[in-house]
Protein backbone atom coordinates (compact mmCIF):
# COMPACT_ATOMS: atom_id res chain seq x y z
CA MET A 1 -98.55 -6.51 -144.13
CA GLN A 2 -99.49 -7.00 -147.80
CA GLU A 3 -96.88 -8.77 -149.94
CA THR A 4 -95.65 -6.99 -153.04
CA LYS A 5 -95.85 -9.12 -156.17
CA ASN A 6 -92.77 -9.33 -158.35
CA THR A 7 -93.91 -8.00 -161.72
CA GLU A 8 -90.47 -8.06 -163.31
CA GLN A 9 -90.55 -9.97 -166.60
CA PRO A 10 -88.10 -12.87 -166.99
CA PHE A 11 -85.18 -12.41 -169.38
CA LYS A 12 -85.94 -13.98 -172.75
CA SER A 13 -83.54 -15.27 -175.38
CA GLY A 14 -83.55 -17.27 -178.58
CA PHE A 15 -82.29 -17.82 -182.10
CA ILE A 16 -84.10 -16.37 -185.11
CA SER A 17 -83.45 -17.42 -188.71
CA ILE A 18 -84.08 -15.00 -191.59
CA ILE A 19 -84.88 -16.90 -194.79
CA GLY A 20 -86.24 -16.10 -198.23
CA ARG A 21 -85.45 -16.04 -201.92
CA PRO A 22 -82.28 -14.28 -203.05
CA ASN A 23 -82.42 -10.48 -203.05
CA VAL A 24 -85.59 -9.97 -200.97
CA GLY A 25 -83.83 -7.79 -198.38
CA LYS A 26 -82.76 -10.19 -195.63
CA SER A 27 -79.42 -8.50 -194.98
CA THR A 28 -80.97 -5.04 -195.20
CA LEU A 29 -83.52 -6.05 -192.56
CA LEU A 30 -80.82 -7.36 -190.26
CA ASN A 31 -78.78 -4.17 -190.59
CA SER A 32 -81.96 -2.19 -189.80
CA ILE A 33 -82.60 -4.27 -186.67
CA MET A 34 -79.00 -3.93 -185.50
CA GLY A 35 -78.82 -0.21 -186.22
CA GLU A 36 -75.50 -0.57 -188.03
CA LYS A 37 -74.01 -2.24 -191.09
CA LEU A 38 -72.85 -5.72 -190.09
CA VAL A 39 -73.73 -7.76 -193.18
CA ILE A 40 -73.14 -6.77 -196.78
CA THR A 41 -75.90 -5.84 -199.18
CA ALA A 42 -76.09 -5.55 -202.95
CA ASN A 43 -78.77 -5.46 -205.61
CA LYS A 44 -77.70 -8.91 -206.79
CA PRO A 45 -78.92 -12.41 -205.86
CA GLN A 46 -76.74 -14.62 -203.62
CA THR A 47 -74.89 -11.73 -201.99
CA THR A 48 -74.87 -13.57 -198.64
CA ARG A 49 -72.94 -16.85 -198.78
CA ASN A 50 -72.44 -17.77 -195.12
CA ALA A 51 -75.00 -17.92 -192.32
CA ILE A 52 -74.03 -14.94 -190.15
CA ARG A 53 -75.19 -14.46 -186.55
CA CYS A 54 -75.91 -10.97 -185.26
CA ILE A 55 -76.79 -10.45 -181.60
CA HIS A 56 -79.39 -7.89 -180.49
CA THR A 57 -79.47 -7.41 -176.71
CA ASP A 58 -81.74 -5.10 -174.73
CA ALA A 59 -82.83 -4.87 -171.09
CA ASP A 60 -85.07 -7.95 -171.12
CA SER A 61 -84.02 -10.07 -174.09
CA GLN A 62 -81.26 -11.31 -176.35
CA MET A 63 -82.15 -12.18 -179.94
CA VAL A 64 -79.58 -14.01 -182.04
CA PHE A 65 -80.44 -13.40 -185.70
CA ILE A 66 -79.07 -15.70 -188.40
CA ASP A 67 -78.80 -14.09 -191.83
CA THR A 68 -78.88 -16.94 -194.34
CA PRO A 69 -78.05 -17.19 -198.05
CA GLY A 70 -81.02 -16.85 -200.38
CA MET A 71 -82.77 -20.17 -201.00
CA HIS A 72 -82.42 -21.08 -204.67
CA LYS A 73 -81.76 -24.00 -207.01
CA PRO A 74 -77.99 -24.63 -206.82
CA LYS A 75 -75.92 -24.21 -209.99
CA ASN A 76 -72.60 -25.39 -208.48
CA LYS A 77 -71.06 -26.78 -205.29
CA LEU A 78 -70.96 -23.31 -203.75
CA GLY A 79 -74.71 -23.00 -204.38
CA THR A 80 -75.30 -26.39 -202.75
CA PHE A 81 -73.39 -25.25 -199.66
CA MET A 82 -75.40 -22.01 -199.53
CA LEU A 83 -78.76 -23.81 -199.81
CA LYS A 84 -77.84 -26.33 -197.10
CA SER A 85 -76.64 -23.49 -194.88
CA ALA A 86 -80.07 -21.83 -195.15
CA GLU A 87 -82.18 -24.97 -194.82
CA ASP A 88 -80.26 -26.26 -191.79
CA THR A 89 -81.32 -23.27 -189.71
CA ILE A 90 -85.08 -23.92 -190.02
CA SER A 91 -85.24 -26.69 -187.42
CA ASP A 92 -82.45 -25.35 -185.19
CA VAL A 93 -83.97 -22.00 -184.20
CA ASP A 94 -86.78 -20.67 -182.02
CA VAL A 95 -88.41 -18.44 -184.66
CA VAL A 96 -88.24 -18.33 -188.46
CA LEU A 97 -88.69 -15.03 -190.32
CA PHE A 98 -89.75 -15.71 -193.92
CA LEU A 99 -89.24 -12.66 -196.14
CA VAL A 100 -91.19 -12.12 -199.35
CA GLU A 101 -91.83 -9.20 -201.68
CA PRO A 102 -95.29 -7.68 -202.29
CA GLU A 103 -96.66 -9.65 -205.24
CA ASP A 104 -100.24 -10.63 -206.10
CA ARG A 105 -99.40 -14.33 -206.37
CA ILE A 106 -96.97 -16.79 -204.82
CA GLY A 107 -94.14 -17.60 -207.21
CA PRO A 108 -92.34 -20.97 -207.44
CA GLY A 109 -89.39 -19.79 -205.33
CA ASP A 110 -91.59 -18.72 -202.42
CA GLN A 111 -93.75 -21.83 -202.82
CA TYR A 112 -90.65 -24.01 -202.48
CA ILE A 113 -89.83 -22.34 -199.16
CA LEU A 114 -93.44 -22.59 -197.95
CA ASP A 115 -93.35 -26.33 -198.62
CA LYS A 116 -90.13 -26.61 -196.60
CA LEU A 117 -91.69 -24.71 -193.70
CA ALA A 118 -95.02 -26.55 -193.69
CA GLY A 119 -93.73 -29.52 -191.71
CA SER A 120 -91.70 -27.49 -189.24
CA ARG A 121 -92.75 -27.04 -185.62
CA THR A 122 -90.85 -23.76 -185.40
CA PRO A 123 -93.03 -20.61 -185.29
CA VAL A 124 -92.97 -18.80 -188.64
CA ILE A 125 -93.54 -15.07 -189.10
CA LEU A 126 -94.18 -14.01 -192.69
CA ILE A 127 -92.62 -10.64 -193.45
CA ILE A 128 -93.74 -8.72 -196.51
CA ASN A 129 -90.79 -6.44 -197.25
CA LYS A 130 -90.43 -3.41 -199.53
CA ILE A 131 -93.91 -2.06 -198.77
CA ASP A 132 -92.55 1.42 -199.53
CA THR A 133 -92.37 0.44 -203.21
CA VAL A 134 -96.02 -0.56 -203.84
CA PRO A 135 -99.53 0.87 -203.37
CA LYS A 136 -101.70 -0.44 -200.53
CA GLU A 137 -103.90 -2.42 -202.93
CA GLU A 138 -100.97 -4.58 -204.03
CA LEU A 139 -99.94 -5.17 -200.42
CA LEU A 140 -103.44 -6.39 -199.59
CA LYS A 141 -103.27 -8.85 -202.51
CA THR A 142 -100.04 -10.26 -201.12
CA ILE A 143 -101.55 -10.69 -197.65
CA ALA A 144 -104.57 -12.46 -199.17
CA ALA A 145 -102.33 -14.83 -201.14
CA TYR A 146 -100.71 -16.13 -197.93
CA GLN A 147 -103.69 -16.20 -195.58
CA ASP A 148 -104.57 -19.83 -196.37
CA TYR A 149 -101.25 -21.03 -194.92
CA THR A 150 -102.37 -21.63 -191.37
CA PHE A 151 -98.89 -22.54 -190.10
CA LEU A 152 -97.85 -18.89 -190.51
CA ASP A 153 -98.15 -17.40 -187.02
CA SER A 154 -98.48 -13.82 -188.25
CA ILE A 155 -98.04 -11.61 -191.31
CA ILE A 156 -96.15 -8.35 -190.80
CA PRO A 157 -95.60 -5.78 -193.58
CA ILE A 158 -92.35 -3.81 -193.28
CA SER A 159 -89.85 -1.70 -195.13
CA ALA A 160 -86.35 -2.81 -194.16
CA TRP A 161 -85.01 0.17 -196.09
CA ASN A 162 -86.74 2.90 -194.02
CA GLY A 163 -87.56 0.92 -190.86
CA ASP A 164 -91.36 0.97 -191.12
CA GLY A 165 -92.84 -1.96 -189.19
CA VAL A 166 -89.51 -3.15 -187.73
CA GLN A 167 -90.47 -2.34 -184.13
CA GLU A 168 -93.75 -4.24 -184.54
CA LEU A 169 -91.74 -7.16 -185.89
CA MET A 170 -89.38 -7.10 -182.88
CA ALA A 171 -92.35 -7.19 -180.51
CA ALA A 172 -93.84 -10.16 -182.38
CA ILE A 173 -90.55 -12.06 -182.19
CA LYS A 174 -90.22 -11.43 -178.46
CA LYS A 175 -93.66 -12.96 -177.83
CA HIS A 176 -92.38 -16.28 -179.21
CA LEU A 177 -89.22 -16.39 -177.09
CA GLU A 178 -89.02 -18.38 -173.87
CA PRO A 179 -87.21 -17.32 -170.68
CA GLY A 180 -83.56 -18.16 -171.19
CA PRO A 181 -79.94 -17.18 -170.63
CA MET A 182 -77.82 -14.53 -172.27
CA TYR A 183 -75.87 -16.60 -174.81
CA PHE A 184 -73.40 -13.86 -175.71
CA PRO A 185 -71.87 -10.90 -173.84
CA PRO A 186 -74.21 -7.87 -173.99
CA ASP A 187 -71.72 -5.80 -176.00
CA MET A 188 -71.19 -8.49 -178.67
CA VAL A 189 -73.06 -7.79 -181.91
CA VAL A 190 -71.71 -10.35 -184.40
CA ASP A 191 -70.15 -13.79 -184.06
CA GLN A 192 -67.81 -13.46 -187.02
CA SER A 193 -64.23 -12.24 -186.78
CA GLU A 194 -63.16 -8.77 -187.87
CA ARG A 195 -61.12 -10.44 -190.61
CA PHE A 196 -64.25 -12.13 -192.02
CA ILE A 197 -66.23 -8.88 -192.05
CA VAL A 198 -63.36 -6.99 -193.70
CA GLY A 199 -63.30 -9.62 -196.46
CA GLU A 200 -67.06 -9.31 -196.90
CA LEU A 201 -66.85 -5.51 -197.17
CA ILE A 202 -64.29 -5.86 -199.95
CA ARG A 203 -66.48 -8.42 -201.76
CA GLU A 204 -69.46 -6.08 -201.43
CA LYS A 205 -67.62 -3.41 -203.44
CA VAL A 206 -66.96 -5.94 -206.21
CA LEU A 207 -70.68 -6.74 -206.25
CA HIS A 208 -71.58 -3.05 -206.47
CA LEU A 209 -69.02 -2.05 -209.10
CA LEU A 210 -69.00 -5.00 -211.51
CA LYS A 211 -71.71 -6.66 -213.58
CA ASP A 212 -72.62 -10.00 -215.13
CA GLU A 213 -70.86 -13.17 -213.98
CA VAL A 214 -67.66 -11.62 -212.57
CA PRO A 215 -68.97 -10.77 -209.05
CA HIS A 216 -70.50 -14.23 -208.53
CA GLY A 217 -67.16 -15.90 -209.24
CA VAL A 218 -65.27 -13.78 -206.71
CA ALA A 219 -64.01 -14.73 -203.27
CA VAL A 220 -61.90 -12.63 -200.91
CA GLU A 221 -59.21 -13.84 -198.52
CA VAL A 222 -57.73 -11.43 -195.97
CA THR A 223 -54.12 -12.58 -195.62
CA LYS A 224 -52.83 -9.91 -193.24
CA MET A 225 -54.43 -7.68 -190.65
CA LYS A 226 -51.96 -6.09 -188.26
CA ALA A 227 -51.91 -2.88 -186.24
CA ARG A 228 -48.73 -0.81 -186.46
CA GLU A 229 -46.86 -0.29 -183.22
CA ASP A 230 -45.76 3.25 -183.98
CA LYS A 231 -48.97 4.59 -185.57
CA ASN A 232 -52.73 4.37 -185.12
CA ILE A 233 -53.23 2.45 -188.35
CA ILE A 234 -54.00 -1.13 -189.40
CA ASP A 235 -52.27 -2.70 -192.39
CA ILE A 236 -54.57 -5.05 -194.31
CA ASP A 237 -53.61 -7.27 -197.24
CA ALA A 238 -56.33 -9.11 -199.15
CA THR A 239 -56.52 -11.25 -202.26
CA ILE A 240 -59.50 -11.22 -204.60
CA PHE A 241 -59.87 -14.60 -206.29
CA CYS A 242 -61.69 -14.98 -209.61
CA GLU A 243 -62.29 -17.90 -211.98
CA ARG A 244 -61.03 -16.59 -215.34
CA LYS A 245 -58.06 -14.61 -216.67
CA THR A 246 -60.53 -12.35 -218.44
CA HIS A 247 -62.23 -11.69 -215.09
CA LYS A 248 -58.86 -10.78 -213.58
CA GLY A 249 -58.39 -8.13 -216.25
CA ILE A 250 -61.84 -6.70 -215.55
CA LEU A 251 -61.19 -6.61 -211.78
CA ILE A 252 -57.89 -4.80 -212.24
CA GLY A 253 -59.14 -2.44 -214.94
CA LYS A 254 -57.19 -0.16 -217.24
CA GLN A 255 -53.94 0.78 -215.50
CA GLY A 256 -55.37 -0.60 -212.25
CA SER A 257 -58.32 1.80 -212.21
CA MET A 258 -61.02 -0.70 -211.13
CA LEU A 259 -58.91 -2.30 -208.40
CA LYS A 260 -58.10 1.17 -207.09
CA LYS A 261 -61.81 2.05 -207.03
CA ILE A 262 -62.68 -1.18 -205.18
CA GLY A 263 -59.94 -0.45 -202.64
CA THR A 264 -61.00 3.17 -202.12
CA TYR A 265 -64.65 2.33 -201.44
CA ALA A 266 -63.79 -0.71 -199.32
CA ARG A 267 -61.29 1.21 -197.20
CA LYS A 268 -63.92 3.79 -196.23
CA ASP A 269 -66.32 1.12 -194.95
CA ILE A 270 -63.54 -0.83 -193.24
CA GLU A 271 -62.32 2.29 -191.43
CA PHE A 272 -65.88 3.04 -190.31
CA PHE A 273 -66.26 -0.55 -189.06
CA LEU A 274 -62.87 -0.74 -187.29
CA LYS A 275 -62.99 2.89 -186.09
CA THR A 276 -59.36 3.41 -187.12
CA PRO A 277 -57.36 4.40 -190.23
CA VAL A 278 -56.51 1.54 -192.59
CA ASN A 279 -53.81 0.89 -195.18
CA LEU A 280 -55.46 -1.54 -197.61
CA GLN A 281 -53.52 -3.46 -200.25
CA LEU A 282 -55.39 -5.62 -202.77
CA TRP A 283 -54.23 -8.32 -205.18
CA VAL A 284 -56.14 -10.31 -207.80
CA LYS A 285 -55.43 -13.99 -208.50
CA VAL A 286 -57.10 -16.65 -210.65
CA ARG A 287 -58.48 -19.87 -209.12
CA ALA A 288 -60.09 -21.61 -212.05
CA ASP A 289 -63.61 -22.91 -211.33
CA TRP A 290 -63.13 -22.64 -207.55
CA ARG A 291 -66.91 -22.77 -206.98
CA GLU A 292 -66.92 -26.38 -208.21
CA LYS A 293 -63.85 -27.62 -206.30
CA THR A 294 -64.27 -28.99 -202.79
CA TYR A 295 -60.70 -28.14 -201.78
CA ASP A 296 -61.00 -24.52 -202.88
CA LEU A 297 -64.41 -24.13 -201.22
CA LYS A 298 -63.00 -25.43 -197.95
CA ASP A 299 -59.88 -23.29 -198.23
CA LEU A 300 -62.00 -20.18 -198.77
CA GLY A 301 -64.35 -20.95 -195.86
CA TYR A 302 -67.40 -22.19 -197.77
CA THR A 303 -67.69 -25.74 -196.41
CA GLU A 304 -68.17 -27.06 -192.91
């Protein structure tokens, strides 16, 4: 009797870091991969401050993606924490995804990251994002600019915004993963608490609605998150910290108009995330120069 060979593929798993300059679309890519909004996005550099793990599980693999802060020259202690958070992931993962934009030459920011990656033994996939915004000729120039870097395992053009190329990217990642265990339960999609994500959704609205320096000097602390016993509703209290009294006035707005707008937009996203009605109360307080103070950074969750 002829034996039947077992053709079932072994379960694969691994950790994947997403790195790149600020504002190249790292968080947008991760949300596209996950099929839902788990990390905040904004058209401003340094939107992501903490390394956030999102877990993608299918029938034969589990990929743990780490969305890192944009790699940049630090301007304060918060910036130093963010840079270290991104750089630390390079040697601690199974695959590195390096995101760039379609440009005909390699700028100093991308060159800095290339130099960091050159000595790493971790497989590196170069991702050229935002291909929906440029003609094919410009994309080809970008590919040519990076082809001399032999440590890049592959170059994959994508659009994180519309999903073009994302499935090809997922297949390329899976090829680099080794057989391994399921690190997280199959229904778990993010390793951060609901309270953390709620705070990030509030901060995202500040980034979207305000300009100049104000959004970069803002931190959010969720001080209360409790479900009512008699109603299907969650009461949430949160404090928005800023660095200047003038910033506080801008955040509150005339007769509270800006704070109300922030709360209205944030509540919609929070309710969608929690799948339940929310009563959101916001306050604004000043913490002078908190981005430069070790105690404040630790208190607000920005130091290890």
